[in-house]
Amino acid sequence: MPSARLFTVKGRVQGVFFRDSTRRIAESLEITGYAINLPNGDVEVLACGGRAAIAELAAWLQQGPRMARVSGIIEREADYEDRKAFTTR
């Protein structure tokens, strides 16, 4: 059964290819959703897919790409959205 989680990733996560790297990992896990920059410097990630795949993405978000410095993550339930892809903006 598909599920959805919403993540707010804090730290040095903008300007370090965080969104694009997240998209590539999500696509490899067959997760749909999005990664967007927030005005306060955080990145918001919506992940829709299987629970195991979302758990794997969540583990990756703790570190992010090589140049990122993740200082914390807020994770919460989200409404599942039937999306066709994982997007960034």
N, C-alpha and C. Protein backbone atom coordinates (compact mmCIF):
# COMPACT_ATOMS: atom_id res chain seq x y z
N MET A 1 0.85 -1.18 0.00
CA MET A 1 0.00 0.00 0.00
C MET A 1 0.89 1.25 0.00
N PRO A 2 0.65 2.17 -0.91
CA PRO A 2 1.48 3.38 -0.97
C PRO A 2 1.24 4.29 0.24
N SER A 3 2.27 5.01 0.59
CA SER A 3 2.15 5.97 1.68
C SER A 3 2.87 7.25 1.27
N ALA A 4 2.82 8.24 2.13
CA ALA A 4 3.46 9.52 1.84
C ALA A 4 4.02 10.12 3.12
N ARG A 5 5.19 10.75 2.98
CA ARG A 5 5.84 11.45 4.10
C ARG A 5 6.31 12.79 3.59
N LEU A 6 6.25 13.78 4.47
CA LEU A 6 6.73 15.11 4.16
C LEU A 6 7.93 15.39 5.06
N PHE A 7 9.05 15.77 4.44
CA PHE A 7 10.30 16.04 5.16
C PHE A 7 10.67 17.51 5.01
N THR A 8 11.12 18.11 6.09
CA THR A 8 11.76 19.42 6.04
C THR A 8 13.20 19.20 6.45
N VAL A 9 14.10 19.46 5.50
CA VAL A 9 15.53 19.20 5.72
C VAL A 9 16.21 20.53 6.03
N LYS A 10 16.91 20.58 7.15
CA LYS A 10 17.55 21.81 7.62
C LYS A 10 19.07 21.70 7.51
N GLY A 11 19.72 22.84 7.41
CA GLY A 11 21.18 22.89 7.33
C GLY A 11 21.61 23.60 6.06
N ARG A 12 22.81 23.28 5.60
CA ARG A 12 23.28 23.83 4.32
C ARG A 12 22.80 22.88 3.23
N VAL A 13 21.59 23.15 2.75
CA VAL A 13 20.94 22.24 1.81
C VAL A 13 20.48 22.95 0.53
N GLN A 14 20.77 24.23 0.42
CA GLN A 14 20.47 24.95 -0.82
C GLN A 14 21.78 25.34 -1.48
N GLY A 15 21.80 25.26 -2.82
CA GLY A 15 23.01 25.60 -3.55
C GLY A 15 24.05 24.50 -3.55
N VAL A 16 23.66 23.29 -3.16
CA VAL A 16 24.60 22.16 -3.10
C VAL A 16 24.05 20.94 -3.86
N PHE A 17 23.15 21.17 -4.81
CA PHE A 17 22.54 20.11 -5.63
C PHE A 17 21.69 19.15 -4.80
N PHE A 18 21.14 19.64 -3.69
CA PHE A 18 20.33 18.78 -2.83
C PHE A 18 19.06 18.31 -3.54
N ARG A 19 18.34 19.24 -4.17
CA ARG A 19 17.07 18.88 -4.81
C ARG A 19 17.28 17.90 -5.96
N ASP A 20 18.26 18.18 -6.82
CA ASP A 20 18.48 17.30 -7.97
C ASP A 20 18.98 15.93 -7.52
N SER A 21 19.85 15.90 -6.53
CA SER A 21 20.32 14.62 -6.00
C SER A 21 19.16 13.83 -5.38
N THR A 22 18.28 14.54 -4.67
CA THR A 22 17.11 13.89 -4.08
C THR A 22 16.22 13.31 -5.17
N ARG A 23 16.04 14.06 -6.26
CA ARG A 23 15.23 13.58 -7.38
C ARG A 23 15.81 12.29 -7.94
N ARG A 24 17.11 12.25 -8.15
CA ARG A 24 17.74 11.05 -8.72
C ARG A 24 17.57 9.83 -7.81
N ILE A 25 17.77 10.03 -6.50
CA ILE A 25 17.60 8.93 -5.54
C ILE A 25 16.13 8.48 -5.52
N ALA A 26 15.22 9.44 -5.47
CA ALA A 26 13.79 9.12 -5.44
C ALA A 26 13.37 8.34 -6.69
N GLU A 27 13.84 8.78 -7.84
CA GLU A 27 13.49 8.06 -9.08
C GLU A 27 14.02 6.63 -9.06
N SER A 28 15.23 6.44 -8.53
CA SER A 28 15.80 5.09 -8.47
C SER A 28 14.99 4.20 -7.52
N LEU A 29 14.29 4.81 -6.57
CA LEU A 29 13.47 4.07 -5.60
C LEU A 29 12.00 4.01 -6.02
N GLU A 30 11.69 4.56 -7.21
CA GLU A 30 10.31 4.62 -7.73
C GLU A 30 9.39 5.41 -6.81
N ILE A 31 9.92 6.50 -6.27
CA ILE A 31 9.16 7.41 -5.43
C ILE A 31 8.77 8.63 -6.27
N THR A 32 7.55 9.08 -6.12
CA THR A 32 7.11 10.32 -6.75
C THR A 32 6.99 11.38 -5.67
N GLY A 33 6.84 12.63 -6.10
CA GLY A 33 6.71 13.73 -5.16
C GLY A 33 7.48 14.93 -5.64
N TYR A 34 8.11 15.65 -4.71
CA TYR A 34 8.85 16.84 -5.10
C TYR A 34 9.90 17.19 -4.05
N ALA A 35 10.83 18.04 -4.47
CA ALA A 35 11.79 18.68 -3.57
C ALA A 35 11.82 20.15 -3.95
N ILE A 36 11.55 21.03 -2.97
CA ILE A 36 11.54 22.47 -3.24
C ILE A 36 12.35 23.22 -2.19
N ASN A 37 12.95 24.32 -2.64
CA ASN A 37 13.63 25.21 -1.70
C ASN A 37 12.59 26.05 -0.98
N LEU A 38 12.77 26.22 0.31
CA LEU A 38 11.90 27.10 1.10
C LEU A 38 12.62 28.42 1.34
N PRO A 39 11.87 29.50 1.52
CA PRO A 39 12.49 30.83 1.70
C PRO A 39 13.47 30.91 2.88
N ASN A 40 13.30 30.07 3.90
CA ASN A 40 14.16 30.13 5.08
C ASN A 40 15.46 29.34 4.93
N GLY A 41 15.70 28.75 3.75
CA GLY A 41 16.92 28.00 3.52
C GLY A 41 16.78 26.49 3.65
N ASP A 42 15.63 26.02 4.10
CA ASP A 42 15.37 24.59 4.21
C ASP A 42 14.94 24.04 2.85
N VAL A 43 14.90 22.71 2.75
CA VAL A 43 14.35 22.04 1.58
C VAL A 43 13.19 21.17 2.05
N GLU A 44 12.06 21.25 1.35
CA GLU A 44 10.90 20.42 1.64
C GLU A 44 10.83 19.30 0.62
N VAL A 45 10.62 18.08 1.11
CA VAL A 45 10.56 16.90 0.24
C VAL A 45 9.26 16.15 0.53
N LEU A 46 8.45 15.96 -0.51
CA LEU A 46 7.28 15.09 -0.42
C LEU A 46 7.64 13.79 -1.10
N ALA A 47 7.48 12.69 -0.39
CA ALA A 47 7.80 11.37 -0.93
C ALA A 47 6.55 10.50 -0.91
N CYS A 48 6.16 10.01 -2.08
CA CYS A 48 4.99 9.14 -2.22
C CYS A 48 5.45 7.83 -2.83
N GLY A 49 5.15 6.74 -2.15
CA GLY A 49 5.57 5.43 -2.67
C GLY A 49 5.46 4.37 -1.60
N GLY A 50 6.19 3.32 -1.78
CA GLY A 50 6.19 2.22 -0.81
C GLY A 50 6.92 2.61 0.47
N ARG A 51 6.49 2.02 1.57
CA ARG A 51 7.08 2.37 2.87
C ARG A 51 8.58 2.09 2.94
N ALA A 52 9.01 0.97 2.41
CA ALA A 52 10.44 0.63 2.47
C ALA A 52 11.26 1.61 1.64
N ALA A 53 10.75 1.99 0.48
CA ALA A 53 11.45 2.95 -0.38
C ALA A 53 11.53 4.32 0.30
N ILE A 54 10.45 4.74 0.93
CA ILE A 54 10.45 6.03 1.63
C ILE A 54 11.43 5.99 2.80
N ALA A 55 11.49 4.87 3.50
CA ALA A 55 12.45 4.73 4.61
C ALA A 55 13.89 4.83 4.09
N GLU A 56 14.16 4.27 2.92
CA GLU A 56 15.50 4.35 2.33
C GLU A 56 15.82 5.79 1.94
N LEU A 57 14.85 6.49 1.35
CA LEU A 57 15.05 7.90 1.01
C LEU A 57 15.28 8.72 2.28
N ALA A 58 14.50 8.45 3.32
CA ALA A 58 14.66 9.18 4.59
C ALA A 58 16.06 9.02 5.15
N ALA A 59 16.61 7.82 5.05
CA ALA A 59 17.97 7.58 5.53
C ALA A 59 18.97 8.40 4.69
N TRP A 60 18.76 8.45 3.38
CA TRP A 60 19.65 9.23 2.52
C TRP A 60 19.55 10.73 2.83
N LEU A 61 18.34 11.22 3.12
CA LEU A 61 18.15 12.64 3.42
C LEU A 61 18.94 13.08 4.65
N GLN A 62 19.22 12.17 5.56
CA GLN A 62 19.99 12.49 6.76
C GLN A 62 21.38 13.02 6.41
N GLN A 63 21.90 12.59 5.26
CA GLN A 63 23.24 12.99 4.83
C GLN A 63 23.19 13.91 3.62
N GLY A 64 22.36 13.54 2.63
CA GLY A 64 22.28 14.33 1.40
C GLY A 64 23.51 14.17 0.54
N PRO A 65 23.64 15.02 -0.48
CA PRO A 65 24.81 14.95 -1.35
C PRO A 65 26.08 15.41 -0.64
N ARG A 66 27.20 15.17 -1.27
CA ARG A 66 28.52 15.41 -0.66
C ARG A 66 28.70 16.81 -0.10
N MET A 67 28.23 17.84 -0.79
CA MET A 67 28.46 19.23 -0.36
C MET A 67 27.47 19.70 0.71
N ALA A 68 26.41 18.94 0.94
CA ALA A 68 25.38 19.34 1.92
C ALA A 68 25.88 19.11 3.35
N ARG A 69 25.30 19.87 4.26
CA ARG A 69 25.52 19.68 5.69
C ARG A 69 24.15 19.69 6.37
N VAL A 70 23.56 18.51 6.54
CA VAL A 70 22.23 18.39 7.12
C VAL A 70 22.35 18.51 8.63
N SER A 71 21.60 19.46 9.21
CA SER A 71 21.63 19.65 10.66
C SER A 71 20.40 19.06 11.35
N GLY A 72 19.38 18.73 10.59
CA GLY A 72 18.19 18.14 11.18
C GLY A 72 17.11 17.91 10.15
N ILE A 73 16.18 17.03 10.48
CA ILE A 73 15.06 16.73 9.59
C ILE A 73 13.80 16.64 10.43
N ILE A 74 12.76 17.27 9.94
CA ILE A 74 11.42 17.11 10.52
C ILE A 74 10.65 16.22 9.56
N GLU A 75 10.09 15.14 10.07
CA GLU A 75 9.34 14.19 9.24
C GLU A 75 7.92 14.07 9.76
N ARG A 76 6.98 14.08 8.85
CA ARG A 76 5.58 13.94 9.26
C ARG A 76 4.76 13.22 8.19
N GLU A 77 3.62 12.71 8.60
CA GLU A 77 2.69 12.06 7.67
C GLU A 77 2.23 13.08 6.65
N ALA A 78 1.91 12.63 5.46
CA ALA A 78 1.36 13.48 4.42
C ALA A 78 0.27 12.70 3.70
N ASP A 79 -0.61 13.42 3.04
CA ASP A 79 -1.62 12.77 2.22
C ASP A 79 -0.95 12.26 0.95
N TYR A 80 -1.26 11.03 0.59
CA TYR A 80 -0.71 10.45 -0.63
C TYR A 80 -1.24 11.21 -1.83
N GLU A 81 -0.36 11.55 -2.74
CA GLU A 81 -0.74 12.21 -3.99
C GLU A 81 -0.35 11.30 -5.13
N ASP A 82 -1.28 11.05 -6.03
CA ASP A 82 -1.01 10.20 -7.18
C ASP A 82 -0.28 11.02 -8.24
N ARG A 83 1.03 11.10 -8.09
CA ARG A 83 1.86 11.89 -9.00
C ARG A 83 2.51 10.96 -10.03
N LYS A 84 2.90 11.54 -11.15
CA LYS A 84 3.51 10.76 -12.21
C LYS A 84 5.03 10.74 -12.14
N ALA A 85 5.63 11.68 -11.41
CA ALA A 85 7.08 11.80 -11.38
C ALA A 85 7.53 12.47 -10.09
N PHE A 86 8.84 12.58 -9.93
CA PHE A 86 9.42 13.35 -8.84
C PHE A 86 9.97 14.62 -9.45
N THR A 87 9.55 15.78 -8.95
CA THR A 87 9.93 17.05 -9.56
C THR A 87 10.71 17.92 -8.58
N THR A 88 11.40 18.89 -9.14
CA THR A 88 12.09 19.90 -8.34
C THR A 88 11.67 21.26 -8.84
N ARG A 89 11.73 22.23 -7.95
CA ARG A 89 11.49 23.62 -8.35
C ARG A 89 12.06 24.55 -7.32
